[in-house]
């Protein structure tokens, strides 16, 4: 894997792992394209990626990581 891609992947995984520190401080989305991942789904942005997750039993469950341009919800971020 090229070094740039490896660094990007490491930073993305670090962002996801840090979610446990503030996951519930992000508002639950009211957008249909996010809520299809769960009634209490939330979304954050990492560079040009959308990370959609829920909090269940005090655990962060990542439901999707997708390019932001595929999310109709990019204005909400």
Protein backbone atom coordinates (compact mmCIF):
# COMPACT_ATOMS: atom_id res chain seq x y z
CA UNK A 1 0.00 0.00 0.00
CA UNK A 2 1.39 3.46 -0.84
CA UNK A 3 2.57 5.48 2.15
CA UNK A 4 -0.02 8.24 1.63
CA UNK A 5 -2.88 5.73 1.59
CA UNK A 6 -1.52 4.01 4.69
CA UNK A 7 -1.29 7.31 6.56
CA UNK A 8 -4.84 8.24 5.50
CA UNK A 9 -6.13 4.89 6.70
CA UNK A 10 -4.35 5.25 10.05
CA UNK A 11 -5.77 8.76 10.56
CA UNK A 12 -9.27 7.60 9.64
CA UNK A 13 -9.07 4.72 12.12
CA UNK A 14 -7.75 7.10 14.80
CA UNK A 15 -10.69 9.44 14.20
CA UNK A 16 -13.10 6.53 14.56
CA UNK A 17 -11.43 5.30 17.76
CA UNK A 18 -11.60 8.80 19.29
CA UNK A 19 -15.37 8.87 18.79
CA UNK A 20 -15.85 7.21 22.17
CA UNK A 21 -14.67 10.45 23.81
CA UNK A 22 -17.42 12.63 22.36
CA UNK A 23 -19.85 10.43 20.39
CA UNK A 24 -22.98 11.45 22.26
CA UNK A 25 -22.20 15.16 21.97
CA UNK A 26 -22.99 14.97 18.24
CA UNK A 27 -26.69 15.54 17.52
CA UNK A 28 -28.80 12.71 16.19
CA UNK A 29 -29.36 13.35 12.52
CA UNK A 30 -32.76 14.23 11.12
CA UNK A 31 -31.77 13.36 7.55
CA UNK A 32 -33.33 10.30 5.89
CA UNK A 33 -30.10 9.17 4.22
CA UNK A 34 -28.39 9.00 7.62
CA UNK A 35 -31.34 7.59 9.57
CA UNK A 36 -31.51 4.58 7.27
CA UNK A 37 -28.51 3.36 9.31
CA UNK A 38 -30.50 3.54 12.56
CA UNK A 39 -33.10 5.67 14.32
CA UNK A 40 -30.41 7.38 16.41
CA UNK A 41 -27.73 7.64 13.73
CA UNK A 42 -25.20 10.46 13.85
CA UNK A 43 -22.67 11.64 11.28
CA UNK A 44 -19.23 13.20 11.42
CA UNK A 45 -16.82 14.14 8.69
CA UNK A 46 -13.19 13.12 8.32
CA UNK A 47 -11.58 14.91 5.39
CA UNK A 48 -13.81 13.85 2.48
CA UNK A 49 -15.39 10.87 4.25
CA UNK A 50 -18.68 10.61 6.13
CA UNK A 51 -18.64 8.40 9.22
CA UNK A 52 -22.14 7.35 10.25
CA UNK A 53 -22.55 5.73 13.65
CA UNK A 54 -24.93 5.01 16.50
CA UNK A 55 -24.36 4.78 20.24
CA UNK A 56 -25.73 1.53 21.67
CA UNK A 57 -25.24 0.46 25.30
CA UNK A 58 -22.50 3.09 25.72
CA UNK A 59 -20.62 1.74 22.71
CA UNK A 60 -19.98 3.44 19.40
CA UNK A 61 -21.11 1.29 16.49
CA UNK A 62 -19.91 2.53 13.12
CA UNK A 63 -22.58 1.75 10.55
CA UNK A 64 -20.93 3.24 7.46
CA UNK A 65 -17.84 5.01 6.20
CA UNK A 66 -18.37 6.45 2.75
CA UNK A 67 -17.10 9.21 0.50
CA UNK A 68 -18.84 12.41 1.48
CA UNK A 69 -19.97 13.08 -2.08
CA UNK A 70 -22.17 9.96 -1.87
CA UNK A 71 -23.98 11.37 1.14
CA UNK A 72 -26.90 13.65 0.37
CA UNK A 73 -26.33 14.99 3.88
CA UNK A 74 -23.07 16.88 3.29
CA UNK A 75 -24.71 20.25 4.02
CA UNK A 76 -25.57 18.99 7.51
CA UNK A 77 -21.93 18.47 8.53
